[in-house]
Amino acid sequence: MKKCTYLLAIILLIVAGCESKKTSPVSKILYTFNNPSSPEVLVAAHRAVHLYYPENSLAAIQHAIDMGVAIIEIDVRQTMDGMLILMHDKTLERTTNGTGRVDSLMWSDIKKLSLKNAPDDSLTHFIPTLEQALLLGKNHLMFDLDNKSASLRDLVALVQKTETQKQVMFFDHDFAVLDSIKLLDPKLLVLPRAETFEEVKMAIARFNSPVIQINADIFTSAVDSTIKAAGANLWVNSLGKLDRKARKDSVQSAYLPFIIGNADIVQTDNPDLWLKLLDETRF
């Protein structure tokens, strides 16, 4: 009997060990991200999946997870009493049923407001904190944090608290801001956006970052080869005109040049169209 009990205990320990070693979805994403030579293209959803749910909402993040999106871009602001929340605009009018500036209101008041719905959504959504967003997506995807007004020290502290350092990228087109992030924690990921070929070379030399973001208007073979030679991911935005073209006209004519041009990551307002195209083209 004792032998049976002992054997059962060993079996349970082995099973528990196997369970703990199962890879989470974010582990697979991080593997691709950390291996830029991988043929897979990662899709980044701008303000999460906001065509179906309010932008920067927990529902939009959950939908991104359910769809298999690899990265979500979210916007961060800070309330008057220091709470880090998801909000693109400095004022509340466009996206909520409230009024006023985010930085002039207390979290206790802002958290009572509801977000304005997408056309076919009848649910009630509230403004999330950044901590809620990070914890929701922690085991599922990466984050592109677009800091609108928050304290860098507070942002870094929260990322450290939630233990999401390996999957959070701090975005900015101001390289000095990214320098400040690196001073607070040299191990954090920064996501510089380069608006010219010269800025691409500057970003590579300055940050040794695993990813460089560009807009489609400077997406050339020279930019591609320079970023790839540095061992970094080429992140290209299809936001704006190309996303509108894909939804209203032709997905392939809008997006195939990104695939042919070797983009590693694409940021879009149409993650559904991108994921479908990548599945069809087996990238």
Protein backbone atom coordinates (compact mmCIF):
# COMPACT_ATOMS: atom_id res chain seq x y z
CA MET A 1 0.00 0.00 0.00
CA LYS A 2 2.84 2.33 0.89
CA LYS A 3 4.53 1.56 -2.44
CA CYS A 4 1.31 2.40 -4.32
CA THR A 5 0.97 5.66 -2.44
CA TYR A 6 4.60 6.51 -3.17
CA LEU A 7 4.20 5.73 -6.87
CA LEU A 8 1.02 7.80 -7.05
CA ALA A 9 2.82 10.74 -5.47
CA ILE A 10 5.61 10.49 -8.05
CA ILE A 11 3.10 10.33 -10.92
CA LEU A 12 1.27 13.41 -9.62
CA LEU A 13 4.55 15.31 -9.35
CA ILE A 14 5.48 14.38 -12.92
CA VAL A 15 2.06 15.46 -14.23
CA ALA A 16 2.27 18.72 -12.30
CA GLY A 17 5.73 19.31 -13.73
CA CYS A 18 4.49 18.72 -17.27
CA GLU A 19 1.60 21.11 -16.73
CA SER A 20 3.92 23.83 -15.49
CA LYS A 21 6.10 23.45 -18.59
CA LYS A 22 3.26 24.03 -21.05
CA THR A 23 4.04 27.07 -23.13
CA SER A 24 1.69 30.01 -22.89
CA PRO A 25 0.58 31.86 -26.03
CA VAL A 26 2.88 34.78 -25.20
CA SER A 27 5.87 32.42 -25.06
CA LYS A 28 5.35 31.55 -28.73
CA ILE A 29 4.96 35.22 -29.62
CA LEU A 30 8.13 36.12 -27.72
CA TYR A 31 10.02 33.37 -29.53
CA THR A 32 9.06 34.87 -32.90
CA PHE A 33 9.77 38.41 -31.66
CA ASN A 34 13.20 37.42 -30.37
CA ASN A 35 14.03 35.65 -33.63
CA PRO A 36 13.58 38.29 -36.37
CA SER A 37 14.65 35.83 -39.06
CA SER A 38 11.46 33.86 -38.41
CA PRO A 39 9.12 33.93 -41.44
CA GLU A 40 6.07 34.61 -39.26
CA VAL A 41 4.51 38.09 -39.35
CA LEU A 42 3.17 39.40 -36.04
CA VAL A 43 0.00 41.51 -36.06
CA ALA A 44 -0.28 44.50 -33.73
CA ALA A 45 -3.81 45.82 -33.10
CA HIS A 46 -3.92 49.62 -32.80
CA ARG A 47 -5.82 50.58 -29.62
CA ALA A 48 -6.67 46.86 -29.39
CA VAL A 49 -9.55 45.52 -31.54
CA HIS A 50 -11.59 48.72 -31.53
CA LEU A 51 -13.81 48.14 -34.56
CA TYR A 52 -16.02 45.89 -32.44
CA TYR A 53 -15.49 47.24 -28.92
CA PRO A 54 -14.48 50.63 -27.49
CA GLU A 55 -10.84 51.50 -28.11
CA ASN A 56 -8.49 50.82 -25.20
CA SER A 57 -11.14 48.75 -23.40
CA LEU A 58 -10.74 45.41 -21.66
CA ALA A 59 -13.25 43.92 -24.11
CA ALA A 60 -11.12 45.10 -27.04
CA ILE A 61 -8.07 43.50 -25.43
CA GLN A 62 -9.92 40.25 -24.74
CA HIS A 63 -11.11 40.15 -28.34
CA ALA A 64 -7.52 40.61 -29.49
CA ILE A 65 -6.52 37.63 -27.35
CA ASP A 66 -9.39 35.54 -28.72
CA MET A 67 -8.45 36.41 -32.32
CA GLY A 68 -4.81 35.48 -31.85
CA VAL A 69 -3.38 38.98 -32.14
CA ALA A 70 0.28 39.06 -31.07
CA ILE A 71 0.60 42.67 -29.90
CA ILE A 72 -1.80 45.39 -28.80
CA GLU A 73 -1.05 49.10 -28.85
CA ILE A 74 -2.64 50.92 -25.92
CA ASP A 75 -2.55 54.56 -24.82
CA VAL A 76 -1.75 55.56 -21.25
CA ARG A 77 -2.66 58.66 -19.26
CA GLN A 78 -2.57 59.51 -15.58
CA THR A 79 -5.39 60.91 -13.46
CA MET A 80 -4.94 63.81 -11.08
CA ASP A 81 -4.34 61.40 -8.20
CA GLY A 82 -1.83 59.32 -10.13
CA MET A 83 -3.83 56.36 -11.45
CA LEU A 84 -2.52 54.99 -14.76
CA ILE A 85 -5.46 54.42 -17.11
CA LEU A 86 -6.06 53.60 -20.77
CA MET A 87 -7.13 56.70 -22.67
CA HIS A 88 -5.95 58.18 -25.96
CA ASP A 89 -7.29 61.73 -25.73
CA LYS A 90 -6.41 64.25 -23.03
CA THR A 91 -10.13 64.90 -22.60
CA LEU A 92 -13.01 62.49 -22.02
CA GLU A 93 -15.62 63.72 -24.47
CA ARG A 94 -14.84 61.65 -27.59
CA THR A 95 -14.68 58.20 -25.99
CA THR A 96 -16.76 58.42 -22.79
CA ASN A 97 -19.96 59.86 -21.36
CA GLY A 98 -17.90 62.27 -19.25
CA THR A 99 -16.30 65.66 -19.76
CA GLY A 100 -13.06 67.32 -18.77
CA ARG A 101 -9.36 66.60 -18.80
CA VAL A 102 -8.10 63.26 -17.53
CA ASP A 103 -5.31 64.89 -15.54
CA SER A 104 -7.71 67.23 -13.75
CA LEU A 105 -10.03 64.50 -12.45
CA MET A 106 -9.73 61.89 -9.71
CA TRP A 107 -9.82 58.18 -10.47
CA SER A 108 -12.81 57.79 -8.14
CA ASP A 109 -14.81 59.97 -10.56
CA ILE A 110 -13.38 58.64 -13.83
CA LYS A 111 -14.00 54.99 -12.99
CA LYS A 112 -17.75 55.66 -12.82
CA LEU A 113 -17.85 56.74 -16.47
CA SER A 114 -18.71 54.41 -19.33
CA LEU A 115 -17.02 54.16 -22.70
CA LYS A 116 -18.91 54.94 -25.89
CA ASN A 117 -19.78 51.76 -27.75
CA ALA A 118 -18.84 50.51 -31.16
CA PRO A 119 -21.85 50.39 -33.57
CA ASP A 120 -22.94 46.78 -32.90
CA ASP A 121 -22.00 46.60 -29.22
CA SER A 122 -24.73 46.97 -26.58
CA LEU A 123 -22.60 46.16 -23.52
CA THR A 124 -21.46 48.67 -20.91
CA HIS A 125 -17.71 49.19 -20.75
CA PHE A 126 -15.70 51.13 -18.20
CA ILE A 127 -12.32 52.82 -18.44
CA PRO A 128 -9.66 50.29 -17.44
CA THR A 129 -6.52 50.85 -15.45
CA LEU A 130 -3.21 49.96 -17.04
CA GLU A 131 -2.70 47.33 -14.37
CA GLN A 132 -5.97 45.62 -15.33
CA ALA A 133 -4.89 45.61 -18.98
CA LEU A 134 -1.44 44.20 -18.27
CA LEU A 135 -2.82 41.44 -16.06
CA LEU A 136 -5.49 40.53 -18.61
CA GLY A 137 -2.99 40.13 -21.42
CA LYS A 138 -0.01 38.93 -19.41
CA ASN A 139 -0.03 35.30 -20.56
CA HIS A 140 -1.38 35.99 -24.02
CA LEU A 141 0.28 38.81 -25.95
CA MET A 142 2.76 41.68 -26.05
CA PHE A 143 2.02 45.34 -25.33
CA ASP A 144 3.03 48.51 -27.14
CA LEU A 145 2.62 51.29 -24.55
CA ASP A 146 2.04 54.71 -26.08
CA ASN A 147 2.53 57.05 -23.13
CA LYS A 148 0.48 60.20 -23.55
CA SER A 149 1.06 61.94 -20.22
CA ALA A 150 2.05 59.53 -17.48
CA SER A 151 5.08 59.61 -15.22
CA LEU A 152 7.79 57.39 -16.71
CA ARG A 153 8.82 56.30 -13.23
CA ASP A 154 5.26 55.23 -12.42
CA LEU A 155 4.95 53.39 -15.75
CA VAL A 156 8.16 51.47 -15.23
CA ALA A 157 7.23 50.64 -11.64
CA LEU A 158 3.89 49.16 -12.73
CA VAL A 159 5.45 47.06 -15.48
CA GLN A 160 7.93 45.74 -12.93
CA LYS A 161 5.15 45.10 -10.39
CA THR A 162 3.12 43.07 -12.90
CA GLU A 163 6.25 41.24 -14.09
CA THR A 164 5.53 42.03 -17.72
CA GLN A 165 8.96 43.45 -18.58
CA LYS A 166 9.67 40.89 -21.31
CA GLN A 167 6.45 41.60 -23.20
CA VAL A 168 6.02 45.37 -22.83
CA MET A 169 7.51 47.78 -25.35
CA PHE A 170 7.75 51.48 -24.50
CA PHE A 171 6.96 53.40 -27.68
CA ASP A 172 8.01 56.94 -28.55
CA HIS A 173 9.23 58.95 -31.52
CA ASP A 174 11.16 61.17 -29.08
CA PHE A 175 14.41 59.29 -28.56
CA ALA A 176 15.18 61.29 -25.39
CA VAL A 177 12.10 59.75 -23.73
CA LEU A 178 13.35 56.28 -24.56
CA ASP A 179 16.75 57.21 -23.12
CA SER A 180 14.96 58.03 -19.86
CA ILE A 181 13.21 54.65 -19.88
CA LYS A 182 16.54 52.89 -20.29
CA LEU A 183 18.01 54.87 -17.40
CA LEU A 184 15.18 53.67 -15.15
CA ASP A 185 15.64 50.04 -16.20
CA PRO A 186 18.21 49.12 -18.88
CA LYS A 187 16.54 45.75 -19.50
CA LEU A 188 13.23 47.21 -20.66
CA LEU A 189 12.23 47.05 -24.32
CA VAL A 190 11.97 50.34 -26.18
CA LEU A 191 10.16 50.82 -29.48
CA PRO A 192 11.61 53.80 -31.37
CA ARG A 193 9.69 55.14 -34.33
CA ALA A 194 11.89 56.40 -37.13
CA GLU A 195 10.37 58.83 -39.62
CA THR A 196 13.33 58.96 -42.02
CA PHE A 197 16.09 56.62 -43.16
CA GLU A 198 18.57 58.69 -41.13
CA GLU A 199 16.45 58.20 -38.02
CA VAL A 200 16.40 54.45 -38.67
CA LYS A 201 20.20 54.41 -38.53
CA MET A 202 20.20 56.67 -35.46
CA ALA A 203 17.74 54.43 -33.62
CA ILE A 204 19.78 51.32 -34.35
CA ALA A 205 23.00 52.91 -33.12
CA ARG A 206 21.41 54.52 -30.07
CA PHE A 207 19.29 51.73 -28.63
CA ASN A 208 20.35 48.37 -30.04
CA SER A 209 16.61 47.68 -29.90
CA PRO A 210 15.12 44.41 -31.13
CA VAL A 211 12.50 46.37 -33.08
CA ILE A 212 12.29 49.59 -35.11
CA GLN A 213 8.94 51.09 -36.10
CA ILE A 214 8.42 52.96 -39.37
CA ASN A 215 5.49 54.28 -41.36
CA ALA A 216 4.68 52.85 -44.77
CA ASP A 217 5.95 55.94 -46.59
CA ILE A 218 9.59 55.07 -45.83
CA PHE A 219 9.18 51.31 -46.28
CA THR A 220 11.99 50.68 -48.79
CA SER A 221 14.44 47.86 -49.45
CA ALA A 222 17.25 50.01 -48.02
CA VAL A 223 15.37 50.52 -44.76
CA ASP A 224 14.48 46.84 -44.64
CA SER A 225 18.05 45.65 -45.21
CA THR A 226 19.46 48.12 -42.68
CA ILE A 227 17.09 47.01 -39.93
CA LYS A 228 17.56 43.33 -40.76
CA ALA A 229 21.36 43.72 -40.77
CA ALA A 230 21.09 45.04 -37.22
CA GLY A 231 19.24 41.89 -36.18
CA ALA A 232 16.06 43.81 -35.39
CA ASN A 233 12.40 43.37 -36.28
CA LEU A 234 11.00 45.66 -38.96
CA TRP A 235 7.69 47.09 -37.68
CA VAL A 236 5.59 48.80 -40.36
CA ASN A 237 2.32 50.67 -39.83
CA SER A 238 -0.55 50.13 -42.26
CA LEU A 239 -2.65 52.66 -40.33
CA GLY A 240 -4.66 55.27 -42.18
CA LYS A 241 -4.90 55.19 -45.97
CA LEU A 242 -3.77 51.58 -46.45
CA ASP A 243 -6.11 50.24 -43.78
CA ARG A 244 -9.01 52.14 -45.33
CA LYS A 245 -8.09 50.78 -48.76
CA ALA A 246 -8.03 47.22 -47.41
CA ARG A 247 -11.48 47.52 -45.84
CA LYS A 248 -13.16 49.34 -48.72
CA ASP A 249 -11.30 48.06 -51.77
CA SER A 250 -8.63 45.35 -51.92
CA VAL A 251 -6.92 43.63 -49.00
CA GLN A 252 -4.22 42.09 -51.17
CA SER A 253 -3.22 45.27 -52.99
CA ALA A 254 -3.07 47.12 -49.67
CA TYR A 255 -1.21 44.55 -47.61
CA LEU A 256 0.76 42.14 -49.83
CA PRO A 257 3.60 44.67 -50.34
CA PHE A 258 4.26 44.45 -46.59
CA ILE A 259 4.71 40.69 -46.82
CA ILE A 260 6.79 40.86 -50.00
CA GLY A 261 8.89 43.60 -48.38
CA ASN A 262 9.69 41.36 -45.39
CA ALA A 263 7.88 43.24 -42.62
CA ASP A 264 8.15 41.34 -39.33
CA ILE A 265 5.40 43.22 -37.49
CA VAL A 266 2.44 45.17 -38.88
CA GLN A 267 0.33 47.61 -36.87
CA THR A 268 -3.23 47.99 -38.07
CA ASP A 269 -6.79 49.00 -37.32
CA ASN A 270 -7.85 45.87 -39.25
CA PRO A 271 -6.32 42.93 -37.37
CA ASP A 272 -9.08 40.65 -38.66
CA LEU A 273 -8.17 41.33 -42.29
CA TRP A 274 -4.47 40.95 -41.64
CA LEU A 275 -4.86 37.65 -39.79
CA LYS A 276 -7.06 36.28 -42.57
CA LEU A 277 -4.57 37.30 -45.26
CA LEU A 278 -1.62 35.82 -43.37
CA ASP A 279 -3.53 32.58 -42.91
CA GLU A 280 -4.36 32.44 -46.62
CA THR A 281 -0.78 33.17 -47.67
CA ARG A 282 0.60 30.82 -44.97
CA PHE A 283 2.91 33.39 -43.43
